[in-house]
N, C-alpha and C. Protein backbone atom coordinates (compact mmCIF):
# COMPACT_ATOMS: atom_id res chain seq x y z
N UNK A 1 -94.45 -18.54 18.05
CA UNK A 1 -95.32 -18.69 19.21
C UNK A 1 -96.46 -17.68 19.16
N UNK A 2 -96.17 -16.47 18.65
CA UNK A 2 -97.22 -15.46 18.56
C UNK A 2 -98.34 -15.91 17.64
N UNK A 3 -97.98 -16.58 16.56
CA UNK A 3 -98.99 -17.07 15.62
C UNK A 3 -99.86 -18.13 16.27
N UNK A 4 -99.25 -19.04 17.01
CA UNK A 4 -100.02 -20.07 17.69
C UNK A 4 -100.98 -19.47 18.72
N UNK A 5 -100.51 -18.48 19.46
CA UNK A 5 -101.38 -17.83 20.45
C UNK A 5 -102.50 -17.05 19.77
N UNK A 6 -102.21 -16.45 18.60
CA UNK A 6 -103.23 -15.73 17.84
C UNK A 6 -104.30 -16.71 17.35
N UNK A 7 -103.87 -17.88 16.85
CA UNK A 7 -104.81 -18.92 16.42
C UNK A 7 -105.62 -19.41 17.61
N UNK A 8 -104.95 -19.59 18.75
CA UNK A 8 -105.61 -20.05 19.97
C UNK A 8 -106.71 -19.08 20.39
N UNK A 9 -106.42 -17.78 20.36
CA UNK A 9 -107.44 -16.79 20.74
C UNK A 9 -108.59 -16.76 19.75
N UNK A 10 -108.27 -16.92 18.46
CA UNK A 10 -109.32 -16.97 17.44
C UNK A 10 -110.22 -18.18 17.62
N UNK A 11 -109.61 -19.34 17.91
CA UNK A 11 -110.40 -20.54 18.19
C UNK A 11 -111.28 -20.36 19.42
N UNK A 12 -110.73 -19.72 20.44
CA UNK A 12 -111.50 -19.50 21.66
C UNK A 12 -112.72 -18.63 21.38
N UNK A 13 -112.55 -17.58 20.58
CA UNK A 13 -113.70 -16.73 20.23
C UNK A 13 -114.75 -17.52 19.47
N UNK A 14 -114.30 -18.30 18.50
CA UNK A 14 -115.23 -19.12 17.72
C UNK A 14 -115.95 -20.13 18.61
N UNK A 15 -115.21 -20.77 19.51
CA UNK A 15 -115.83 -21.73 20.42
C UNK A 15 -116.88 -21.08 21.31
N UNK A 16 -116.60 -19.89 21.79
CA UNK A 16 -117.57 -19.19 22.64
C UNK A 16 -118.86 -18.94 21.87
N UNK A 17 -118.74 -18.48 20.63
CA UNK A 17 -119.94 -18.20 19.83
C UNK A 17 -120.70 -19.47 19.49
N UNK A 18 -119.99 -20.54 19.19
CA UNK A 18 -120.66 -21.81 18.90
C UNK A 18 -121.35 -22.33 20.16
N UNK A 19 -120.68 -22.22 21.31
CA UNK A 19 -121.29 -22.65 22.57
C UNK A 19 -122.55 -21.84 22.86
N UNK A 20 -122.49 -20.54 22.69
CA UNK A 20 -123.68 -19.69 22.92
C UNK A 20 -124.81 -20.10 21.99
N UNK A 21 -124.48 -20.32 20.72
CA UNK A 21 -125.50 -20.71 19.74
C UNK A 21 -126.12 -22.06 20.09
N UNK A 22 -125.27 -23.04 20.38
CA UNK A 22 -125.78 -24.37 20.70
C UNK A 22 -126.58 -24.38 22.00
N UNK A 23 -126.11 -23.66 22.99
CA UNK A 23 -126.85 -23.60 24.25
C UNK A 23 -128.20 -22.93 24.06
N UNK A 24 -128.24 -21.87 23.26
CA UNK A 24 -129.51 -21.20 22.97
C UNK A 24 -130.46 -22.15 22.25
N UNK A 25 -129.96 -22.89 21.26
CA UNK A 25 -130.79 -23.86 20.56
C UNK A 25 -131.33 -24.92 21.52
N UNK A 26 -130.48 -25.39 22.41
CA UNK A 26 -130.91 -26.39 23.38
C UNK A 26 -132.04 -25.87 24.26
N UNK A 27 -131.88 -24.66 24.76
CA UNK A 27 -132.89 -24.09 25.64
C UNK A 27 -134.20 -23.88 24.89
N UNK A 28 -134.12 -23.32 23.68
CA UNK A 28 -135.33 -23.04 22.91
C UNK A 28 -136.06 -24.33 22.54
N UNK A 29 -135.34 -25.32 22.02
CA UNK A 29 -135.98 -26.57 21.62
C UNK A 29 -136.56 -27.32 22.81
N UNK A 30 -135.84 -27.34 23.92
CA UNK A 30 -136.34 -28.01 25.12
C UNK A 30 -137.56 -27.29 25.67
N UNK A 31 -137.53 -25.96 25.67
CA UNK A 31 -138.68 -25.17 26.14
C UNK A 31 -139.92 -25.46 25.28
N UNK A 32 -139.73 -25.50 23.97
CA UNK A 32 -140.86 -25.79 23.08
C UNK A 32 -141.41 -27.18 23.35
N UNK A 33 -140.53 -28.16 23.52
CA UNK A 33 -140.98 -29.52 23.82
C UNK A 33 -141.78 -29.58 25.12
N UNK A 34 -141.27 -28.95 26.14
CA UNK A 34 -141.96 -28.97 27.44
C UNK A 34 -143.32 -28.29 27.34
N UNK A 35 -143.37 -27.16 26.66
CA UNK A 35 -144.65 -26.46 26.50
C UNK A 35 -145.65 -27.30 25.72
N UNK A 36 -145.21 -27.90 24.63
CA UNK A 36 -146.11 -28.73 23.82
C UNK A 36 -146.59 -29.95 24.60
N UNK A 37 -145.68 -30.58 25.35
CA UNK A 37 -146.11 -31.73 26.17
C UNK A 37 -147.12 -31.31 27.23
N UNK A 38 -146.86 -30.17 27.84
CA UNK A 38 -147.80 -29.68 28.85
C UNK A 38 -149.16 -29.35 28.25
N UNK A 39 -149.17 -28.72 27.09
CA UNK A 39 -150.45 -28.41 26.42
C UNK A 39 -151.22 -29.67 26.08
N UNK A 40 -150.50 -30.68 25.60
CA UNK A 40 -151.19 -31.91 25.22
C UNK A 40 -151.62 -32.72 26.45
N UNK A 41 -150.71 -32.86 27.42
CA UNK A 41 -150.99 -33.70 28.57
C UNK A 41 -152.05 -33.09 29.49
N UNK A 42 -151.90 -31.81 29.80
CA UNK A 42 -152.79 -31.18 30.77
C UNK A 42 -153.94 -30.41 30.12
N UNK A 43 -153.72 -29.91 28.92
CA UNK A 43 -154.78 -29.13 28.27
C UNK A 43 -155.50 -29.90 27.19
N UNK A 44 -155.03 -31.10 26.88
CA UNK A 44 -155.62 -31.95 25.85
C UNK A 44 -155.77 -31.22 24.52
N UNK A 45 -154.75 -30.45 24.18
CA UNK A 45 -154.74 -29.71 22.92
C UNK A 45 -154.12 -30.63 21.86
N UNK A 46 -154.94 -31.00 20.88
CA UNK A 46 -154.50 -31.97 19.88
C UNK A 46 -153.42 -31.45 18.95
N UNK A 47 -153.47 -30.16 18.60
CA UNK A 47 -152.45 -29.63 17.68
C UNK A 47 -151.06 -29.66 18.30
N UNK A 48 -151.01 -29.61 19.66
CA UNK A 48 -149.71 -29.68 20.33
C UNK A 48 -149.09 -31.06 20.12
N UNK A 49 -149.92 -32.10 20.17
CA UNK A 49 -149.41 -33.45 19.93
C UNK A 49 -148.96 -33.59 18.48
N UNK A 50 -149.73 -33.04 17.56
CA UNK A 50 -149.35 -33.11 16.14
C UNK A 50 -148.03 -32.37 15.90
N UNK A 51 -147.87 -31.22 16.53
CA UNK A 51 -146.64 -30.45 16.37
C UNK A 51 -145.45 -31.17 16.99
N UNK A 52 -145.67 -31.86 18.12
CA UNK A 52 -144.59 -32.65 18.73
C UNK A 52 -144.14 -33.74 17.78
N UNK A 53 -145.06 -34.29 17.00
CA UNK A 53 -144.69 -35.31 16.02
C UNK A 53 -143.82 -34.76 14.92
N UNK A 54 -144.01 -33.48 14.59
CA UNK A 54 -143.21 -32.86 13.54
C UNK A 54 -141.82 -32.46 14.02
N UNK A 55 -141.66 -32.27 15.31
CA UNK A 55 -140.34 -31.90 15.84
C UNK A 55 -139.76 -33.02 16.71
N UNK A 56 -140.08 -34.25 16.36
CA UNK A 56 -139.57 -35.39 17.13
C UNK A 56 -138.05 -35.52 17.02
N UNK A 57 -137.47 -34.86 16.07
CA UNK A 57 -136.01 -34.87 15.88
C UNK A 57 -135.31 -34.00 16.92
N UNK A 58 -136.05 -33.10 17.57
CA UNK A 58 -135.40 -32.12 18.45
C UNK A 58 -134.78 -32.74 19.70
N UNK A 59 -135.38 -33.80 20.24
CA UNK A 59 -134.82 -34.41 21.44
C UNK A 59 -133.47 -35.07 21.18
N UNK A 60 -133.31 -35.91 20.13
CA UNK A 60 -131.96 -36.44 19.86
C UNK A 60 -130.98 -35.34 19.44
N UNK A 61 -131.48 -34.30 18.80
CA UNK A 61 -130.62 -33.19 18.42
C UNK A 61 -130.07 -32.48 19.65
N UNK A 62 -130.92 -32.28 20.65
CA UNK A 62 -130.48 -31.64 21.89
C UNK A 62 -129.45 -32.52 22.60
N UNK A 63 -129.67 -33.82 22.61
CA UNK A 63 -128.68 -34.73 23.23
C UNK A 63 -127.34 -34.64 22.50
N UNK A 64 -127.38 -34.54 21.18
CA UNK A 64 -126.14 -34.40 20.41
C UNK A 64 -125.46 -33.07 20.71
N UNK A 65 -126.25 -32.02 20.89
CA UNK A 65 -125.67 -30.72 21.23
C UNK A 65 -124.99 -30.75 22.58
N UNK A 66 -125.49 -31.56 23.51
CA UNK A 66 -124.83 -31.71 24.81
C UNK A 66 -123.41 -32.25 24.62
N UNK A 67 -123.28 -33.24 23.74
CA UNK A 67 -121.95 -33.80 23.46
C UNK A 67 -121.04 -32.74 22.85
N UNK A 68 -121.55 -31.97 21.90
CA UNK A 68 -120.75 -30.92 21.27
C UNK A 68 -120.36 -29.86 22.30
N UNK A 69 -121.31 -29.46 23.14
CA UNK A 69 -121.00 -28.45 24.17
C UNK A 69 -119.94 -28.95 25.13
N UNK A 70 -120.00 -30.23 25.46
CA UNK A 70 -119.02 -30.80 26.39
C UNK A 70 -117.61 -30.69 25.83
N UNK A 71 -117.44 -31.09 24.58
CA UNK A 71 -116.10 -31.05 23.99
C UNK A 71 -115.62 -29.62 23.72
N UNK A 72 -116.51 -28.77 23.24
CA UNK A 72 -116.11 -27.38 23.00
C UNK A 72 -115.77 -26.68 24.32
N UNK A 73 -116.56 -26.96 25.35
CA UNK A 73 -116.27 -26.38 26.66
C UNK A 73 -114.97 -26.92 27.23
N UNK A 74 -114.71 -28.21 27.04
CA UNK A 74 -113.45 -28.79 27.53
C UNK A 74 -112.27 -28.15 26.82
N UNK A 75 -112.40 -27.92 25.53
CA UNK A 75 -111.31 -27.28 24.79
C UNK A 75 -111.09 -25.85 25.28
N UNK A 76 -112.17 -25.15 25.48
CA UNK A 76 -112.08 -23.76 25.95
C UNK A 76 -111.44 -23.68 27.33
N UNK A 77 -111.85 -24.54 28.21
CA UNK A 77 -111.30 -24.58 29.57
C UNK A 77 -109.83 -24.99 29.55
N UNK A 78 -109.47 -25.92 28.67
CA UNK A 78 -108.08 -26.34 28.54
C UNK A 78 -107.23 -25.16 28.07
N UNK A 79 -107.76 -24.38 27.14
CA UNK A 79 -107.03 -23.21 26.66
C UNK A 79 -106.78 -22.18 27.74
N UNK A 80 -107.68 -22.11 28.71
CA UNK A 80 -107.53 -21.16 29.82
C UNK A 80 -106.79 -21.77 31.00
N UNK A 81 -106.34 -23.02 30.86
CA UNK A 81 -105.61 -23.73 31.91
C UNK A 81 -106.44 -23.85 33.19
N UNK A 82 -107.74 -24.07 33.02
CA UNK A 82 -108.62 -24.21 34.18
C UNK A 82 -109.27 -25.58 34.24
N UNK A 83 -108.68 -26.54 33.54
CA UNK A 83 -109.23 -27.89 33.55
C UNK A 83 -108.91 -28.57 34.87
N UNK A 84 -109.55 -29.69 35.11
CA UNK A 84 -109.36 -30.43 36.35
C UNK A 84 -107.93 -30.95 36.41
N UNK A 85 -107.28 -30.71 37.52
CA UNK A 85 -105.92 -31.20 37.71
C UNK A 85 -105.87 -31.96 39.03
N UNK A 86 -105.44 -33.19 38.95
CA UNK A 86 -105.21 -33.98 40.14
C UNK A 86 -103.71 -34.20 40.18
N UNK A 87 -103.07 -33.51 41.09
CA UNK A 87 -101.61 -33.48 41.04
C UNK A 87 -101.03 -33.50 42.44
N UNK A 88 -100.29 -34.51 42.71
CA UNK A 88 -99.62 -34.64 44.00
C UNK A 88 -98.26 -33.94 43.98
N UNK A 89 -97.63 -33.90 42.79
CA UNK A 89 -96.27 -33.37 42.69
C UNK A 89 -96.17 -31.88 43.01
N UNK A 90 -97.24 -31.13 42.79
CA UNK A 90 -97.15 -29.70 43.07
C UNK A 90 -96.97 -29.42 44.56
N UNK A 91 -97.43 -30.33 45.40
CA UNK A 91 -97.23 -30.13 46.84
C UNK A 91 -95.92 -30.73 47.32
N UNK A 92 -95.40 -31.72 46.60
CA UNK A 92 -94.17 -32.39 47.03
C UNK A 92 -92.91 -31.72 46.48
N UNK A 93 -92.99 -31.18 45.26
CA UNK A 93 -91.81 -30.61 44.64
C UNK A 93 -91.55 -29.18 45.12
N UNK A 94 -90.31 -28.79 45.15
CA UNK A 94 -90.01 -27.39 45.46
C UNK A 94 -90.55 -26.48 44.34
N UNK A 95 -90.80 -25.24 44.66
CA UNK A 95 -91.39 -24.29 43.73
C UNK A 95 -90.56 -24.13 42.47
N UNK A 96 -89.26 -24.21 42.58
CA UNK A 96 -88.41 -24.00 41.40
C UNK A 96 -88.58 -25.12 40.37
N UNK A 97 -89.11 -26.28 40.78
CA UNK A 97 -89.31 -27.40 39.86
C UNK A 97 -90.69 -27.41 39.22
N UNK A 98 -91.58 -26.52 39.62
CA UNK A 98 -92.93 -26.52 39.08
C UNK A 98 -92.98 -26.28 37.57
N UNK A 99 -92.17 -25.40 36.99
CA UNK A 99 -92.20 -25.27 35.52
C UNK A 99 -91.82 -26.56 34.80
N UNK A 100 -90.87 -27.30 35.35
CA UNK A 100 -90.48 -28.58 34.74
C UNK A 100 -91.64 -29.57 34.83
N UNK A 101 -92.30 -29.59 35.97
CA UNK A 101 -93.47 -30.45 36.15
C UNK A 101 -94.56 -30.09 35.15
N UNK A 102 -94.84 -28.80 34.99
CA UNK A 102 -95.86 -28.36 34.03
C UNK A 102 -95.48 -28.77 32.61
N UNK A 103 -94.21 -28.67 32.28
CA UNK A 103 -93.74 -29.06 30.96
C UNK A 103 -93.96 -30.56 30.73
N UNK A 104 -93.60 -31.36 31.71
CA UNK A 104 -93.76 -32.82 31.58
C UNK A 104 -95.24 -33.19 31.49
N UNK A 105 -96.06 -32.57 32.33
CA UNK A 105 -97.50 -32.85 32.28
C UNK A 105 -98.10 -32.42 30.93
N UNK A 106 -97.62 -31.33 30.37
CA UNK A 106 -98.11 -30.88 29.07
C UNK A 106 -97.76 -31.89 27.99
N UNK A 107 -96.55 -32.42 28.05
CA UNK A 107 -96.13 -33.43 27.07
C UNK A 107 -97.03 -34.68 27.18
N UNK A 108 -97.28 -35.10 28.40
CA UNK A 108 -98.13 -36.28 28.62
C UNK A 108 -99.53 -36.01 28.09
N UNK A 109 -100.06 -34.81 28.32
CA UNK A 109 -101.40 -34.47 27.84
C UNK A 109 -101.45 -34.42 26.31
N UNK A 110 -100.37 -33.96 25.68
CA UNK A 110 -100.29 -33.97 24.22
C UNK A 110 -100.35 -35.41 23.71
N UNK A 111 -99.59 -36.29 24.33
CA UNK A 111 -99.56 -37.69 23.91
C UNK A 111 -100.94 -38.34 24.07
N UNK A 112 -101.59 -38.10 25.20
CA UNK A 112 -102.91 -38.68 25.45
C UNK A 112 -103.93 -38.11 24.47
N UNK A 113 -103.91 -36.82 24.25
CA UNK A 113 -104.86 -36.19 23.32
C UNK A 113 -104.63 -36.69 21.89
N UNK A 114 -103.37 -36.84 21.49
CA UNK A 114 -103.07 -37.35 20.15
C UNK A 114 -103.56 -38.79 20.00
N UNK A 115 -103.38 -39.58 21.04
CA UNK A 115 -103.87 -40.96 21.01
C UNK A 115 -105.39 -41.00 20.88
N UNK A 116 -106.07 -40.17 21.66
CA UNK A 116 -107.53 -40.11 21.59
C UNK A 116 -108.01 -39.62 20.22
N UNK A 117 -107.31 -38.66 19.65
CA UNK A 117 -107.64 -38.17 18.31
C UNK A 117 -107.52 -39.31 17.30
N UNK A 118 -106.44 -40.07 17.38
CA UNK A 118 -106.23 -41.19 16.46
C UNK A 118 -107.34 -42.23 16.60
N UNK A 119 -107.68 -42.57 17.83
CA UNK A 119 -108.72 -43.57 18.09
C UNK A 119 -110.08 -43.07 17.58
N UNK A 120 -110.39 -41.83 17.86
CA UNK A 120 -111.68 -41.27 17.43
C UNK A 120 -111.77 -41.16 15.91
N UNK A 121 -110.67 -40.85 15.26
CA UNK A 121 -110.66 -40.80 13.80
C UNK A 121 -110.94 -42.20 13.23
N UNK A 122 -110.38 -43.22 13.85
CA UNK A 122 -110.68 -44.60 13.44
C UNK A 122 -112.13 -44.95 13.66
N UNK A 123 -112.68 -44.50 14.78
CA UNK A 123 -114.09 -44.74 15.08
C UNK A 123 -114.99 -44.09 14.03
N UNK A 124 -114.68 -42.86 13.65
CA UNK A 124 -115.48 -42.16 12.64
C UNK A 124 -115.38 -42.89 11.30
N UNK A 125 -114.20 -43.40 10.98
CA UNK A 125 -114.03 -44.15 9.73
C UNK A 125 -114.93 -45.38 9.73
N UNK A 126 -114.97 -46.09 10.85
CA UNK A 126 -115.84 -47.27 10.96
C UNK A 126 -117.31 -46.85 10.87
N UNK A 127 -117.68 -45.76 11.53
CA UNK A 127 -119.05 -45.27 11.47
C UNK A 127 -119.45 -44.89 10.04
N UNK A 128 -118.50 -44.33 9.29
CA UNK A 128 -118.80 -43.96 7.91
C UNK A 128 -119.07 -45.21 7.06
N UNK A 129 -118.39 -46.30 7.36
CA UNK A 129 -118.57 -47.52 6.60
C UNK A 129 -119.82 -48.29 7.02
N UNK A 130 -120.07 -48.38 8.33
CA UNK A 130 -121.11 -49.28 8.82
C UNK A 130 -122.21 -48.58 9.62
N UNK A 131 -122.06 -47.30 9.91
CA UNK A 131 -122.97 -46.63 10.83
C UNK A 131 -124.37 -46.44 10.29
N UNK A 132 -125.23 -46.10 11.21
CA UNK A 132 -126.62 -45.87 10.89
C UNK A 132 -126.91 -44.40 10.65
N UNK A 133 -128.12 -44.03 10.97
CA UNK A 133 -128.54 -42.64 10.77
C UNK A 133 -128.99 -42.03 12.08
N UNK A 134 -128.92 -40.72 12.10
CA UNK A 134 -129.44 -39.94 13.22
C UNK A 134 -130.85 -39.48 12.85
N UNK A 135 -131.27 -38.46 13.47
CA UNK A 135 -132.54 -37.83 13.14
C UNK A 135 -132.48 -37.23 11.74
N UNK A 136 -133.61 -37.09 11.10
CA UNK A 136 -133.74 -36.50 9.77
C UNK A 136 -132.86 -37.21 8.73
N UNK A 137 -132.60 -38.50 8.95
CA UNK A 137 -131.81 -39.35 8.05
C UNK A 137 -130.38 -38.86 7.84
N UNK A 138 -129.83 -38.12 8.78
CA UNK A 138 -128.42 -37.73 8.72
C UNK A 138 -127.55 -38.92 9.12
N UNK A 139 -126.44 -39.11 8.44
CA UNK A 139 -125.53 -40.19 8.87
C UNK A 139 -125.03 -39.93 10.29
N UNK A 140 -124.91 -41.00 11.06
CA UNK A 140 -124.53 -40.84 12.47
C UNK A 140 -123.13 -40.26 12.64
N UNK A 141 -122.24 -40.50 11.69
CA UNK A 141 -120.88 -40.02 11.83
C UNK A 141 -120.80 -38.50 11.80
N UNK A 142 -121.77 -37.84 11.19
CA UNK A 142 -121.74 -36.37 11.15
C UNK A 142 -121.88 -35.80 12.56
N UNK A 143 -122.79 -36.36 13.33
CA UNK A 143 -122.96 -35.89 14.71
C UNK A 143 -121.79 -36.25 15.59
N UNK A 144 -121.10 -37.35 15.26
CA UNK A 144 -120.00 -37.82 16.08
C UNK A 144 -118.66 -37.22 15.69
N UNK A 145 -118.66 -36.36 14.70
CA UNK A 145 -117.42 -35.69 14.30
C UNK A 145 -116.80 -34.87 15.42
N UNK A 146 -117.62 -34.52 16.42
CA UNK A 146 -117.08 -33.73 17.53
C UNK A 146 -116.01 -34.51 18.28
N UNK A 147 -116.06 -35.83 18.24
CA UNK A 147 -115.05 -36.61 18.96
C UNK A 147 -113.64 -36.32 18.45
N UNK A 148 -113.34 -36.53 17.16
CA UNK A 148 -111.99 -36.18 16.72
C UNK A 148 -111.75 -34.67 16.69
N UNK A 149 -112.77 -33.90 16.37
CA UNK A 149 -112.59 -32.44 16.35
C UNK A 149 -112.30 -31.93 17.75
N UNK A 150 -113.05 -32.41 18.73
CA UNK A 150 -112.83 -31.99 20.11
C UNK A 150 -111.45 -32.35 20.62
N UNK A 151 -111.02 -33.58 20.34
CA UNK A 151 -109.67 -33.97 20.78
C UNK A 151 -108.60 -33.23 20.00
N UNK A 152 -108.87 -32.89 18.75
CA UNK A 152 -107.90 -32.08 17.98
C UNK A 152 -107.76 -30.70 18.60
N UNK A 153 -108.88 -30.10 19.01
CA UNK A 153 -108.82 -28.79 19.66
C UNK A 153 -108.07 -28.86 20.99
N UNK A 154 -108.38 -29.89 21.77
CA UNK A 154 -107.70 -30.06 23.05
C UNK A 154 -106.20 -30.32 22.83
N UNK A 155 -105.88 -31.14 21.82
CA UNK A 155 -104.49 -31.40 21.49
C UNK A 155 -103.77 -30.11 21.12
N UNK A 156 -104.41 -29.28 20.31
CA UNK A 156 -103.79 -28.01 19.94
C UNK A 156 -103.53 -27.15 21.17
N UNK A 157 -104.50 -27.09 22.09
CA UNK A 157 -104.33 -26.29 23.30
C UNK A 157 -103.17 -26.80 24.15
N UNK A 158 -103.08 -28.12 24.32
CA UNK A 158 -101.97 -28.68 25.09
C UNK A 158 -100.64 -28.51 24.35
N UNK A 159 -100.66 -28.55 23.03
CA UNK A 159 -99.44 -28.33 22.25
C UNK A 159 -98.92 -26.91 22.47
N UNK A 160 -99.83 -25.94 22.42
CA UNK A 160 -99.43 -24.54 22.68
C UNK A 160 -98.87 -24.42 24.09
N UNK A 161 -99.52 -25.06 25.05
CA UNK A 161 -99.04 -24.99 26.43
C UNK A 161 -97.69 -25.67 26.57
N UNK A 162 -97.47 -26.78 25.87
CA UNK A 162 -96.19 -27.48 25.93
C UNK A 162 -95.07 -26.59 25.42
N UNK A 163 -95.30 -25.92 24.31
CA UNK A 163 -94.28 -25.02 23.78
C UNK A 163 -94.03 -23.88 24.76
N UNK A 164 -95.09 -23.30 25.30
CA UNK A 164 -94.95 -22.20 26.26
C UNK A 164 -94.21 -22.65 27.51
N UNK A 165 -94.58 -23.81 28.05
CA UNK A 165 -93.89 -24.34 29.24
C UNK A 165 -92.45 -24.70 28.94
N UNK A 166 -92.20 -25.25 27.75
CA UNK A 166 -90.83 -25.57 27.36
C UNK A 166 -89.96 -24.33 27.28
N UNK A 167 -90.51 -23.25 26.74
CA UNK A 167 -89.76 -21.99 26.68
C UNK A 167 -89.49 -21.44 28.07
N UNK A 168 -90.44 -21.61 28.99
CA UNK A 168 -90.23 -21.16 30.37
C UNK A 168 -89.13 -21.97 31.04
N UNK A 169 -89.13 -23.28 30.81
CA UNK A 169 -88.09 -24.13 31.40
C UNK A 169 -86.73 -23.75 30.84
N UNK A 170 -86.64 -23.57 29.53
CA UNK A 170 -85.37 -23.17 28.91
C UNK A 170 -84.92 -21.82 29.43
N UNK A 171 -85.87 -20.88 29.52
CA UNK A 171 -85.54 -19.56 30.06
C UNK A 171 -85.04 -19.63 31.50
N UNK A 172 -85.68 -20.47 32.31
CA UNK A 172 -85.25 -20.65 33.70
C UNK A 172 -83.87 -21.26 33.79
N UNK A 173 -83.59 -22.22 32.92
CA UNK A 173 -82.25 -22.84 32.91
C UNK A 173 -81.19 -21.83 32.50
N UNK A 174 -81.52 -21.00 31.51
CA UNK A 174 -80.56 -19.99 31.07
C UNK A 174 -80.31 -18.95 32.16
N UNK A 175 -81.38 -18.53 32.83
CA UNK A 175 -81.22 -17.57 33.92
C UNK A 175 -80.36 -18.15 35.04
N UNK A 176 -80.59 -19.43 35.35
CA UNK A 176 -79.82 -20.09 36.40
C UNK A 176 -78.34 -20.19 35.97
N UNK A 177 -78.11 -20.51 34.73
CA UNK A 177 -76.74 -20.63 34.22
C UNK A 177 -76.03 -19.30 34.31
N UNK A 178 -76.69 -18.22 33.88
CA UNK A 178 -76.07 -16.90 33.94
C UNK A 178 -75.84 -16.46 35.39
N UNK A 179 -76.77 -16.86 36.27
CA UNK A 179 -76.61 -16.52 37.69
C UNK A 179 -75.35 -17.17 38.24
N UNK A 180 -75.14 -18.48 37.95
CA UNK A 180 -73.97 -19.18 38.47
C UNK A 180 -72.68 -18.67 37.82
N UNK A 181 -72.75 -18.32 36.53
CA UNK A 181 -71.57 -17.76 35.88
C UNK A 181 -71.21 -16.42 36.52
N UNK A 182 -72.23 -15.62 36.80
CA UNK A 182 -71.99 -14.32 37.43
C UNK A 182 -71.43 -14.49 38.83
N UNK A 183 -71.91 -15.47 39.58
CA UNK A 183 -71.39 -15.74 40.92
C UNK A 183 -69.93 -16.17 40.85
N UNK A 184 -69.58 -16.97 39.85
CA UNK A 184 -68.20 -17.41 39.67
C UNK A 184 -67.27 -16.26 39.35
N UNK A 185 -67.73 -15.32 38.55
CA UNK A 185 -66.90 -14.14 38.21
C UNK A 185 -66.68 -13.25 39.44
N UNK A 186 -67.69 -13.15 40.27
CA UNK A 186 -67.57 -12.30 41.47
C UNK A 186 -66.54 -12.85 42.44
N UNK A 187 -66.42 -14.16 42.50
CA UNK A 187 -65.45 -14.77 43.41
C UNK A 187 -64.03 -14.54 42.95
N UNK A 188 -63.85 -14.40 41.64
CA UNK A 188 -62.50 -14.16 41.12
C UNK A 188 -62.14 -12.76 41.38
């Protein structure tokens, strides 16, 4: 478990740096586009229009970075257990059952993430065979690799949580067992 948590922390650090880099690129490229459009539209500066033609790839690139940021951010948030949770059982179940609920929900999330990973891997395979190109003649599947990679990261995070929650449930069962055994000995 220590190794998995160490890998998880390493992935989180890498994700943070990639998110910072991608977000910085998005801001810089969008700022340049806006400035060049403003120079051409309002200042009638011809070189701004020519330069916009040379960086016409930046707008689809920024849109692709939004997709990458979404998945990397979702993975990071999942690792911190701060993802969106819509859960009725936490209010209905007694507090002692919450670890079991978390364990079951983690298992379900692992299954869903694994299914999505499988589907996205199939999609990338189809894109590799029949897909088109992105900007700068890059194959479209390269930009879409975030789909299986993102779900693989999320799957790993839920897998770590499932093991951690399972250990908590087992520990709670053992503590309860020892408590009842101790109560039985006291009565004798």
